[in-house]
C-alpha atoms as a PDB file:
ATOM      1  CA  MET A   1       0.260 -28.117   0.474  1.00  0.00           C
ATOM      2  CA  ASN A   2       3.672 -26.617   0.902  1.00  0.00           C
ATOM      3  CA  LYS A   3       5.124 -25.372  -2.980  1.00  0.00           C
ATOM      4  CA  LYS A   4       8.407 -26.990  -1.855  1.00  0.00           C
ATOM      5  CA  PHE A   5       6.947 -30.464  -1.348  1.00  0.00           C
ATOM      6  CA  SER A   6       3.854 -30.252  -3.801  1.00  0.00           C
ATOM      7  CA  ASN A   7       5.663 -31.680  -6.712  1.00  0.00           C
ATOM      8  CA  SER A   8       8.682 -34.591  -6.419  1.00  0.00           C
ATOM      9  CA  ASP A   9      10.486 -32.728  -9.650  1.00  0.00           C
ATOM     10  CA  ASN A  10      10.604 -29.341  -7.277  1.00  0.00           C
ATOM     11  CA  LEU A  11      11.879 -30.888  -4.426  1.00  0.00           C
ATOM     12  CA  ARG A  12      14.247 -28.635  -2.989  1.00  0.00           C
ATOM     13  CA  THR A  13      16.878 -31.516  -2.022  1.00  0.00           C
ATOM     14  CA  ASP A  14      20.267 -29.909  -3.554  1.00  0.00           C
ATOM     15  CA  THR A  15      22.518 -27.462  -1.785  1.00  0.00           C
ATOM     16  CA  MET A  16      24.488 -24.438  -2.797  1.00  0.00           C
ATOM     17  CA  THR A  17      27.270 -22.720  -0.734  1.00  0.00           C
ATOM     18  CA  ILE A  18      28.838 -19.736  -1.531  1.00  0.00           C
ATOM     19  CA  LYS A  19      31.207 -17.048  -0.147  1.00  0.00           C
ATOM     20  CA  ALA A  20      30.443 -13.595   0.584  1.00  0.00           C
ATOM     21  CA  SER A  21      32.752 -11.296   2.459  1.00  0.00           C
ATOM     22  CA  PRO A  22      30.311 -10.079   5.553  1.00  0.00           C
ATOM     23  CA  LYS A  23      29.093  -6.506   4.415  1.00  0.00           C
ATOM     24  CA  GLU A  24      27.644  -8.512   1.491  1.00  0.00           C
ATOM     25  CA  LYS A  25      25.942 -10.900   3.755  1.00  0.00           C
ATOM     26  CA  ALA A  26      24.747  -7.958   5.725  1.00  0.00           C
ATOM     27  CA  ASP A  27      23.672  -6.513   2.535  1.00  0.00           C
ATOM     28  CA  ILE A  28      21.990 -10.018   1.825  1.00  0.00           C
ATOM     29  CA  LYS A  29      19.953 -10.419   4.507  1.00  0.00           C
ATOM     30  CA  LYS A  30      18.993  -6.771   4.826  1.00  0.00           C
ATOM     31  CA  ASN A  31      17.672  -7.049   1.266  1.00  0.00           C
ATOM     32  CA  ALA A  32      15.778 -10.323   1.769  1.00  0.00           C
ATOM     33  CA  GLU A  33      14.227  -8.929   5.313  1.00  0.00           C
ATOM     34  CA  ALA A  34      12.767  -5.830   3.297  1.00  0.00           C
ATOM     35  CA  CYS A  35      11.171  -8.097   0.843  1.00  0.00           C
ATOM     36  CA  GLY A  36       9.684 -10.603   4.176  1.00  0.00           C
ATOM     37  CA  MET A  37      12.290 -13.469   2.418  1.00  0.00           C
ATOM     38  CA  THR A  38      14.899 -15.371   4.007  1.00  0.00           C
ATOM     39  CA  PRO A  39      17.974 -14.657   2.298  1.00  0.00           C
ATOM     40  CA  SER A  40      17.930 -18.050   0.468  1.00  0.00           C
ATOM     41  CA  GLU A  41      14.703 -17.601  -0.910  1.00  0.00           C
ATOM     42  CA  PHE A  42      16.056 -13.965  -1.896  1.00  0.00           C
ATOM     43  CA  LEU A  43      18.539 -15.435  -3.568  1.00  0.00           C
ATOM     44  CA  ARG A  44      17.089 -18.530  -5.061  1.00  0.00           C
ATOM     45  CA  HIS A  45      14.684 -15.511  -6.695  1.00  0.00           C
ATOM     46  CA  ARG A  46      17.192 -13.437  -7.768  1.00  0.00           C
ATOM     47  CA  GLY A  47      19.436 -16.575  -9.490  1.00  0.00           C
ATOM     48  CA  MET A  48      15.975 -16.933 -11.334  1.00  0.00           C
ATOM     49  CA  ASP A  49      15.208 -14.484 -12.412  1.00  0.00           C
ATOM     50  CA  TYR A  50      12.846 -12.740 -10.583  1.00  0.00           C
ATOM     51  CA  LYS A  51      13.183  -8.862  -9.049  1.00  0.00           C
ATOM     52  CA  PRO A  52      11.759  -8.967  -6.102  1.00  0.00           C
ATOM     53  CA  THR A  53      10.418  -5.864  -4.301  1.00  0.00           C
ATOM     54  CA  ALA A  54      10.185  -4.561  -0.976  1.00  0.00           C
ATOM     55  CA  ALA A  55       8.103  -5.854   1.179  1.00  0.00           C
ATOM     56  CA  ILE A  56       6.292  -2.241   2.785  1.00  0.00           C
ATOM     57  CA  THR A  57       8.383  -0.252   4.769  1.00  0.00           C
ATOM     58  CA  LYS A  58       8.199   1.000   8.235  1.00  0.00           C
ATOM     59  CA  GLU A  59       7.755   4.641   6.920  1.00  0.00           C
ATOM     60  CA  GLU A  60       4.922   3.064   4.469  1.00  0.00           C
ATOM     61  CA  LYS A  61       3.538   1.000   7.265  1.00  0.00           C
ATOM     62  CA  ARG A  62       3.447   4.546   9.534  1.00  0.00           C
ATOM     63  CA  LEU A  63       1.934   6.308   6.808  1.00  0.00           C
ATOM     64  CA  LEU A  64      -0.754   3.381   6.018  1.00  0.00           C
ATOM     65  CA  GLN A  65      -1.679   3.397  10.081  1.00  0.00           C
ATOM     66  CA  ASN A  66      -2.303   7.454   9.571  1.00  0.00           C
ATOM     67  CA  LEU A  67      -4.228   6.447   6.730  1.00  0.00           C
ATOM     68  CA  ASP A  68      -6.538   4.282   8.745  1.00  0.00           C
ATOM     69  CA  GLY A  69      -6.810   6.698  11.000  1.00  0.00           C
ATOM     70  CA  CYS A  70      -7.580   9.423   8.240  1.00  0.00           C
ATOM     71  CA  ARG A  71     -10.358   6.657   7.255  1.00  0.00           C
ATOM     72  CA  SER A  72     -12.101   6.267  10.423  1.00  0.00           C
ATOM     73  CA  ASP A  73     -12.498  10.127  10.849  1.00  0.00           C
ATOM     74  CA  MET A  74     -13.976   9.884   6.582  1.00  0.00           C
ATOM     75  CA  VAL A  75     -16.586   7.343   8.315  1.00  0.00           C
ATOM     76  CA  ASN A  76     -17.243   9.637  11.499  1.00  0.00           C
ATOM     77  CA  TYR A  77     -17.776  12.248   9.284  1.00  0.00           C
ATOM     78  CA  ALA A  78     -19.872  10.453   6.986  1.00  0.00           C
ATOM     79  CA  ASN A  79     -22.221   8.952   9.658  1.00  0.00           C
ATOM     80  CA  ALA A  80     -22.542  12.306  11.112  1.00  0.00           C
ATOM     81  CA  ILE A  81     -24.010  13.822   7.998  1.00  0.00           C
ATOM     82  CA  SER A  82     -26.448  10.544   7.567  1.00  0.00           C
ATOM     83  CA  GLY A  83     -27.750  11.070  10.865  1.00  0.00           C
ATOM     84  CA  MET A  84     -28.432  14.475  10.222  1.00  0.00           C
ATOM     85  CA  THR A  85     -32.376  15.009   8.963  1.00  0.00           C
ATOM     86  CA  PRO A  86     -32.822  15.963   5.330  1.00  0.00           C
ATOM     87  CA  ASP A  87     -33.572  19.677   6.721  1.00  0.00           C
ATOM     88  CA  ASP A  88     -30.098  19.832   8.333  1.00  0.00           C
ATOM     89  CA  ARG A  89     -28.237  18.820   5.962  1.00  0.00           C
ATOM     90  CA  LYS A  90     -29.958  20.939   3.496  1.00  0.00           C
ATOM     91  CA  ARG A  91     -28.804  23.982   5.530  1.00  0.00           C
ATOM     92  CA  MET A  92     -25.271  22.366   6.644  1.00  0.00           C
ATOM     93  CA  PHE A  93     -24.657  22.088   2.909  1.00  0.00           C
ATOM     94  CA  HIS A  94     -26.126  25.748   2.291  1.00  0.00           C
ATOM     95  CA  GLN A  95     -23.604  27.197   4.616  1.00  0.00           C
ATOM     96  CA  VAL A  96     -20.873  27.948   2.529  1.00  0.00           C
ATOM     97  CA  PRO A  97     -18.195  29.094   5.018  1.00  0.00           C
ATOM     98  CA  SER A  98     -18.676  26.651   7.175  1.00  0.00           C
ATOM     99  CA  MET A  99     -18.199  23.467   4.430  1.00  0.00           C
ATOM    100  CA  LEU A 100     -15.380  25.744   2.678  1.00  0.00           C
ATOM    101  CA  ARG A 101     -13.734  25.259   6.466  1.00  0.00           C
ATOM    102  CA  TRP A 102     -14.703  21.506   6.542  1.00  0.00           C
ATOM    103  CA  TYR A 103     -13.425  21.199   3.250  1.00  0.00           C
ATOM    104  CA  LYS A 104     -10.184  22.918   4.020  1.00  0.00           C
ATOM    105  CA  LEU A 105     -10.058  20.280   6.355  1.00  0.00           C
ATOM    106  CA  VAL A 106     -10.650  17.465   4.228  1.00  0.00           C
ATOM    107  CA  TYR A 107      -8.958  17.756   1.322  1.00  0.00           C
ATOM    108  CA  PRO A 108      -5.423  17.238   2.584  1.00  0.00           C
ATOM    109  CA  ILE A 109      -6.320  13.971   4.202  1.00  0.00           C
ATOM    110  CA  SER A 110      -7.913  12.730   0.845  1.00  0.00           C
ATOM    111  CA  ASP A 111      -5.035  14.585  -1.276  1.00  0.00           C
ATOM    112  CA  ALA A 112      -2.395  12.711   1.062  1.00  0.00           C
ATOM    113  CA  VAL A 113      -4.243   9.309   0.783  1.00  0.00           C
ATOM    114  CA  LYS A 114      -4.497   9.601  -3.303  1.00  0.00           C
ATOM    115  CA  GLU A 115      -0.629  10.612  -3.430  1.00  0.00           C
ATOM    116  CA  PHE A 116       0.188   7.639  -1.225  1.00  0.00           C
ATOM    117  CA  ILE A 117      -1.993   5.455  -3.434  1.00  0.00           C
ATOM    118  CA  ILE A 118       0.085   6.752  -6.690  1.00  0.00           C
ATOM    119  CA  SER A 119       3.734   6.136  -5.076  1.00  0.00           C
ATOM    120  CA  VAL A 120       2.827   2.773  -4.480  1.00  0.00           C
ATOM    121  CA  MET A 121       1.240   2.598  -7.720  1.00  0.00           C
ATOM    122  CA  GLU A 122       4.486   3.929  -9.047  1.00  0.00           C
ATOM    123  CA  GLY A 123       6.573   1.045  -6.903  1.00  0.00           C
ATOM    124  CA  GLY A 124       4.989  -1.655  -8.949  1.00  0.00           C
ATOM    125  CA  ARG A 125       2.870  -3.278  -5.314  1.00  0.00           C
ATOM    126  CA  ILE A 126      -0.183  -3.160  -6.527  1.00  0.00           C
ATOM    127  CA  THR A 127      -1.161  -5.663  -9.054  1.00  0.00           C
ATOM    128  CA  PRO A 128      -1.754  -3.954 -12.737  1.00  0.00           C
ATOM    129  CA  ARG A 129      -5.602  -5.082 -12.466  1.00  0.00           C
ATOM    130  CA  THR A 130      -6.263  -3.055  -9.749  1.00  0.00           C
ATOM    131  CA  ARG A 131      -3.777   0.089 -11.035  1.00  0.00           C
ATOM    132  CA  LYS A 132      -6.543   0.112 -13.718  1.00  0.00           C
ATOM    133  CA  SER A 133      -8.712   0.569 -11.758  1.00  0.00           C
ATOM    134  CA  ILE A 134      -7.303   3.101  -9.433  1.00  0.00           C
ATOM    135  CA  LYS A 135      -6.461   4.998 -12.457  1.00  0.00           C
ATOM    136  CA  LYS A 136      -9.831   5.041 -13.697  1.00  0.00           C
ATOM    137  CA  LEU A 137     -10.948   6.457 -10.107  1.00  0.00           C
ATOM    138  CA  LEU A 138      -8.669   8.700  -9.610  1.00  0.00           C
ATOM    139  CA  THR A 139      -8.926  10.011 -13.110  1.00  0.00           C
ATOM    140  CA  ASP A 140     -12.615  10.237 -12.539  1.00  0.00           C
ATOM    141  CA  ASP A 141     -11.970  12.236  -9.346  1.00  0.00           C
ATOM    142  CA  ARG A 142     -10.000  14.925 -11.167  1.00  0.00           C
ATOM    143  CA  LYS A 143     -12.903  15.282 -13.598  1.00  0.00           C
ATOM    144  CA  GLY A 144     -15.723  15.933 -11.029  1.00  0.00           C
END
């Protein structure tokens, strides 16, 4: 059920009107849109001392799409390797020059994913519980 109507104590029946300059109005609309909210929701949240974080930016969306492509590439690599016979896999992994060339291609992708995750974590868009598990993964990755 819609939160707005779930409890008669919380029923939004009162209105408030504010005066704003055209620039302030445009800024409020822009900030609300960046947070995925209407201007009313944005101002209500700000008025209740909640600081909404911006929703994903166009640049972050582009990066996520790029990461999804990288993920697809990684899945394809893993599928190709798992489709090999054990002897072919051993031969491939024992070819140091080939593995170094492959690593040079893969490392920037995994490093970019790691950097993106860290930047999102620092921006506060990941819950503390998820942040803790990601930090553990990243720490374990550095050790191994």
